């Protein structure tokens, strides 16, 4: 009979040969292209999902970029973009910075959808030529604040930009008094431009 040490040696050699064969099989199998079909299907799915995400992002960026461009044009150059969804004007009486309830309700009714959905409002205040520049600028700012407060009560998240540099020049002297007063009445206003 053989001793246990004699049996151990061939058993170790046999296990080593099996391990060597498994390693060789794994190496040769990984170079084979027939097993990669399942892996290619797995790789295709994430690529399709990435394409869908990439298509959605530019549309959002364009809207943000457009609002940024509108704000930049207004802040840097005083230009009001014609891409507004609505423009409303609120007219004020001479030397007044607020309006009666009927006029503010009319403004709110005309602008309800814009006030509720717009993301940006640009407000430009105006005054007629009567009064000195400091007085009129102060009056224009009070008129703007009146409208801003009304809009913010209804849509607190709306961003609002404004300008109070709308003091008019004196009307020509050759027009009659009634026409001159009519022109001044048209100049005492606040213009509101709503943007989505």
Protein backbone atom coordinates (compact mmCIF):
# COMPACT_ATOMS: atom_id res chain seq x y z
CA UNK A 1 0.00 0.00 0.00
CA UNK A 2 0.93 3.57 -0.64
CA UNK A 3 1.43 5.99 2.07
CA UNK A 4 -0.73 9.07 2.35
CA UNK A 5 2.16 11.30 1.23
CA UNK A 6 2.36 9.38 -2.06
CA UNK A 7 -1.32 10.05 -2.78
CA UNK A 8 -1.02 13.71 -1.94
CA UNK A 9 1.58 14.51 -4.60
CA UNK A 10 -0.45 13.24 -7.63
CA UNK A 11 -3.57 14.91 -6.21
CA UNK A 12 -1.80 18.29 -5.99
CA UNK A 13 -0.47 17.87 -9.54
CA UNK A 14 -3.98 16.96 -10.77
CA UNK A 15 -5.54 20.07 -9.11
CA UNK A 16 -2.77 22.30 -10.54
CA UNK A 17 -3.45 20.92 -14.05
CA UNK A 18 -7.22 21.60 -13.67
CA UNK A 19 -6.56 25.19 -12.53
CA UNK A 20 -4.14 25.71 -15.44
CA UNK A 21 -6.75 24.39 -17.91
CA UNK A 22 -9.42 26.71 -16.46
CA UNK A 23 -7.11 29.73 -16.81
CA UNK A 24 -6.30 28.78 -20.42
CA UNK A 25 -9.99 28.30 -21.19
CA UNK A 26 -10.82 31.71 -19.74
CA UNK A 27 -8.06 33.44 -21.76
CA UNK A 28 -9.08 31.80 -25.03
CA UNK A 29 -12.78 32.42 -24.39
CA UNK A 30 -12.28 36.15 -23.76
CA UNK A 31 -10.73 36.54 -27.23
CA UNK A 32 -13.69 34.78 -28.80
CA UNK A 33 -16.32 37.16 -30.28
CA UNK A 34 -19.32 34.84 -29.97
CA UNK A 35 -19.81 35.56 -26.24
CA UNK A 36 -20.01 39.37 -26.61
CA UNK A 37 -23.54 39.47 -28.07
CA UNK A 38 -25.12 39.88 -24.63
CA UNK A 39 -22.60 42.57 -23.65
CA UNK A 40 -23.34 44.61 -26.81
CA UNK A 41 -27.06 44.65 -26.02
CA UNK A 42 -26.35 45.97 -22.54
CA UNK A 43 -24.13 48.75 -23.94
CA UNK A 44 -26.77 49.95 -26.46
CA UNK A 45 -29.44 50.74 -23.84
CA UNK A 46 -27.50 53.48 -21.97
CA UNK A 47 -26.58 55.19 -25.25
CA UNK A 48 -30.26 55.51 -26.23
CA UNK A 49 -31.13 56.96 -22.81
CA UNK A 50 -28.29 59.50 -23.01
CA UNK A 51 -29.53 60.71 -26.41
CA UNK A 52 -33.01 61.41 -24.99
CA UNK A 53 -31.57 63.44 -22.11
CA UNK A 54 -29.32 65.43 -24.43
CA UNK A 55 -32.31 66.36 -26.62
CA UNK A 56 -34.30 67.72 -23.62
CA UNK A 57 -31.59 69.97 -22.16
CA UNK A 58 -31.06 72.43 -25.08
CA UNK A 59 -34.74 73.45 -25.11
CA UNK A 60 -34.52 74.54 -21.46
CA UNK A 61 -31.22 76.30 -22.03
CA UNK A 62 -32.67 78.29 -24.97
CA UNK A 63 -35.50 79.68 -22.80
CA UNK A 64 -33.08 80.66 -20.05
CA UNK A 65 -30.64 82.15 -22.58
CA UNK A 66 -33.45 84.16 -24.17
CA UNK A 67 -34.50 85.65 -20.83
CA UNK A 68 -30.87 86.41 -20.00
CA UNK A 69 -30.47 88.17 -23.36
CA UNK A 70 -33.68 90.17 -22.80
CA UNK A 71 -32.53 91.25 -19.34
CA UNK A 72 -29.03 92.11 -20.58
CA UNK A 73 -30.37 94.24 -23.46
CA UNK A 74 -32.60 96.15 -21.07
CA UNK A 75 -30.04 96.63 -18.29
CA UNK A 76 -27.09 97.54 -20.52
CA UNK A 77 -28.79 99.35 -23.40
CA UNK A 78 -32.33 100.21 -22.27
CA UNK A 79 -33.69 98.05 -25.11
CA UNK A 80 -37.07 96.41 -24.60
CA UNK A 81 -37.30 93.14 -26.52
CA UNK A 82 -40.31 92.71 -28.80
CA UNK A 83 -40.65 89.08 -27.67
CA UNK A 84 -43.02 90.01 -24.85
CA UNK A 85 -46.22 88.05 -24.42
CA UNK A 86 -48.21 91.12 -23.39
CA UNK A 87 -47.71 94.85 -23.00
CA UNK A 88 -49.99 96.90 -20.75
CA UNK A 89 -49.97 100.58 -19.89
CA UNK A 90 -51.37 102.09 -16.71
CA UNK A 91 -52.19 105.81 -16.85
CA UNK A 92 -51.93 108.15 -13.86
CA UNK A 93 -53.42 111.54 -13.07
CA UNK A 94 -51.12 114.55 -12.80
CA UNK A 95 -48.94 114.53 -9.65
CA UNK A 96 -50.39 111.16 -8.58
CA UNK A 97 -48.45 107.97 -7.88
CA UNK A 98 -51.45 105.69 -7.36
CA UNK A 99 -54.62 104.97 -9.26
CA UNK A 100 -58.17 104.30 -8.20
CA UNK A 101 -59.49 100.80 -7.55
CA UNK A 102 -61.39 100.71 -10.85
CA UNK A 103 -58.24 101.35 -12.93
CA UNK A 104 -56.11 98.82 -11.01
CA UNK A 105 -58.88 96.20 -11.34
CA UNK A 106 -58.98 96.90 -15.08
CA UNK A 107 -55.19 96.44 -15.33
CA UNK A 108 -55.39 93.19 -13.31
CA UNK A 109 -58.24 91.84 -15.46
CA UNK A 110 -56.43 92.68 -18.72
CA UNK A 111 -53.13 91.22 -17.47
CA UNK A 112 -54.36 88.30 -15.31
CA UNK A 113 -52.91 85.51 -17.46
CA UNK A 114 -49.61 87.31 -17.94
CA UNK A 115 -49.27 88.15 -14.25
CA UNK A 116 -49.89 84.50 -13.32
CA UNK A 117 -47.60 82.89 -15.90
CA UNK A 118 -44.84 85.36 -16.78
CA UNK A 119 -41.36 84.82 -15.37
CA UNK A 120 -40.15 88.36 -16.03
CA UNK A 121 -41.73 91.79 -16.17
CA UNK A 122 -39.98 94.91 -17.40
CA UNK A 123 -41.59 98.11 -16.18
CA UNK A 124 -40.86 101.55 -17.61
CA UNK A 125 -42.23 104.61 -15.85
CA UNK A 126 -42.97 107.89 -17.59
CA UNK A 127 -43.90 111.44 -16.60
CA UNK A 128 -44.94 114.51 -18.52
CA UNK A 129 -42.70 117.55 -18.88
CA UNK A 130 -44.35 119.49 -16.03
CA UNK A 131 -42.22 119.63 -12.88
CA UNK A 132 -38.46 119.49 -12.45
CA UNK A 133 -36.42 116.38 -13.22
CA UNK A 134 -35.89 115.31 -9.58
CA UNK A 135 -39.57 115.66 -8.77
CA UNK A 136 -40.62 113.71 -11.85
CA UNK A 137 -38.05 110.94 -11.29
CA UNK A 138 -39.34 110.55 -7.73
CA UNK A 139 -42.93 110.50 -8.99
CA UNK A 140 -42.08 107.94 -11.68
CA UNK A 141 -40.41 105.69 -9.08
CA UNK A 142 -43.50 105.87 -6.84
CA UNK A 143 -45.70 104.92 -9.80
CA UNK A 144 -43.42 101.98 -10.62
CA UNK A 145 -43.47 100.84 -6.98
CA UNK A 146 -47.28 100.97 -6.98
CA UNK A 147 -47.45 98.64 -10.00
CA UNK A 148 -44.63 96.37 -8.75
CA UNK A 149 -46.44 95.88 -5.42
CA UNK A 150 -49.67 95.03 -7.23
CA UNK A 151 -47.92 92.45 -9.45
CA UNK A 152 -45.91 90.95 -6.56
CA UNK A 153 -49.13 90.46 -4.56
CA UNK A 154 -50.36 88.15 -7.31
CA UNK A 155 -47.08 86.51 -8.40
CA UNK A 156 -44.31 86.85 -5.79
CA UNK A 157 -41.85 84.74 -7.79
CA UNK A 158 -41.89 86.97 -10.88
CA UNK A 159 -38.62 88.79 -11.54
CA UNK A 160 -39.15 92.48 -12.19
CA UNK A 161 -36.79 94.99 -13.80
CA UNK A 162 -37.64 98.66 -14.16
CA UNK A 163 -36.51 102.01 -15.46
CA UNK A 164 -37.62 105.43 -14.27
CA UNK A 165 -35.94 107.46 -17.00
CA UNK A 166 -39.09 108.19 -18.98
CA UNK A 167 -39.49 111.93 -18.42
CA UNK A 168 -40.92 113.49 -21.55
CA UNK A 169 -39.67 116.60 -23.27
CA UNK A 170 -41.92 119.61 -23.50
CA UNK A 171 -44.47 119.38 -26.31
CA UNK A 172 -44.03 121.78 -29.22
CA UNK A 173 -45.30 125.27 -28.49
CA UNK A 174 -47.16 125.52 -31.76
CA UNK A 175 -49.85 122.98 -30.77
CA UNK A 176 -53.03 124.11 -29.07
CA UNK A 177 -53.55 123.83 -25.32
CA UNK A 178 -56.02 120.91 -25.58
CA UNK A 179 -53.62 118.85 -27.73
CA UNK A 180 -50.72 119.66 -25.41
CA UNK A 181 -52.71 118.50 -22.35
CA UNK A 182 -53.78 115.33 -24.20
CA UNK A 183 -50.13 114.56 -25.01
CA UNK A 184 -49.12 115.12 -21.39
CA UNK A 185 -51.92 112.84 -20.22
CA UNK A 186 -50.57 110.05 -22.46
CA UNK A 187 -47.07 110.52 -21.00
CA UNK A 188 -48.14 110.03 -17.37
CA UNK A 189 -48.00 106.23 -17.44
CA UNK A 190 -46.21 103.04 -16.54
CA UNK A 191 -45.62 100.47 -19.32
CA UNK A 192 -45.40 96.81 -18.29
CA UNK A 193 -43.89 94.14 -20.58
CA UNK A 194 -44.43 90.50 -19.57
CA UNK A 195 -42.08 87.68 -20.68
CA UNK A 196 -42.48 83.89 -20.30
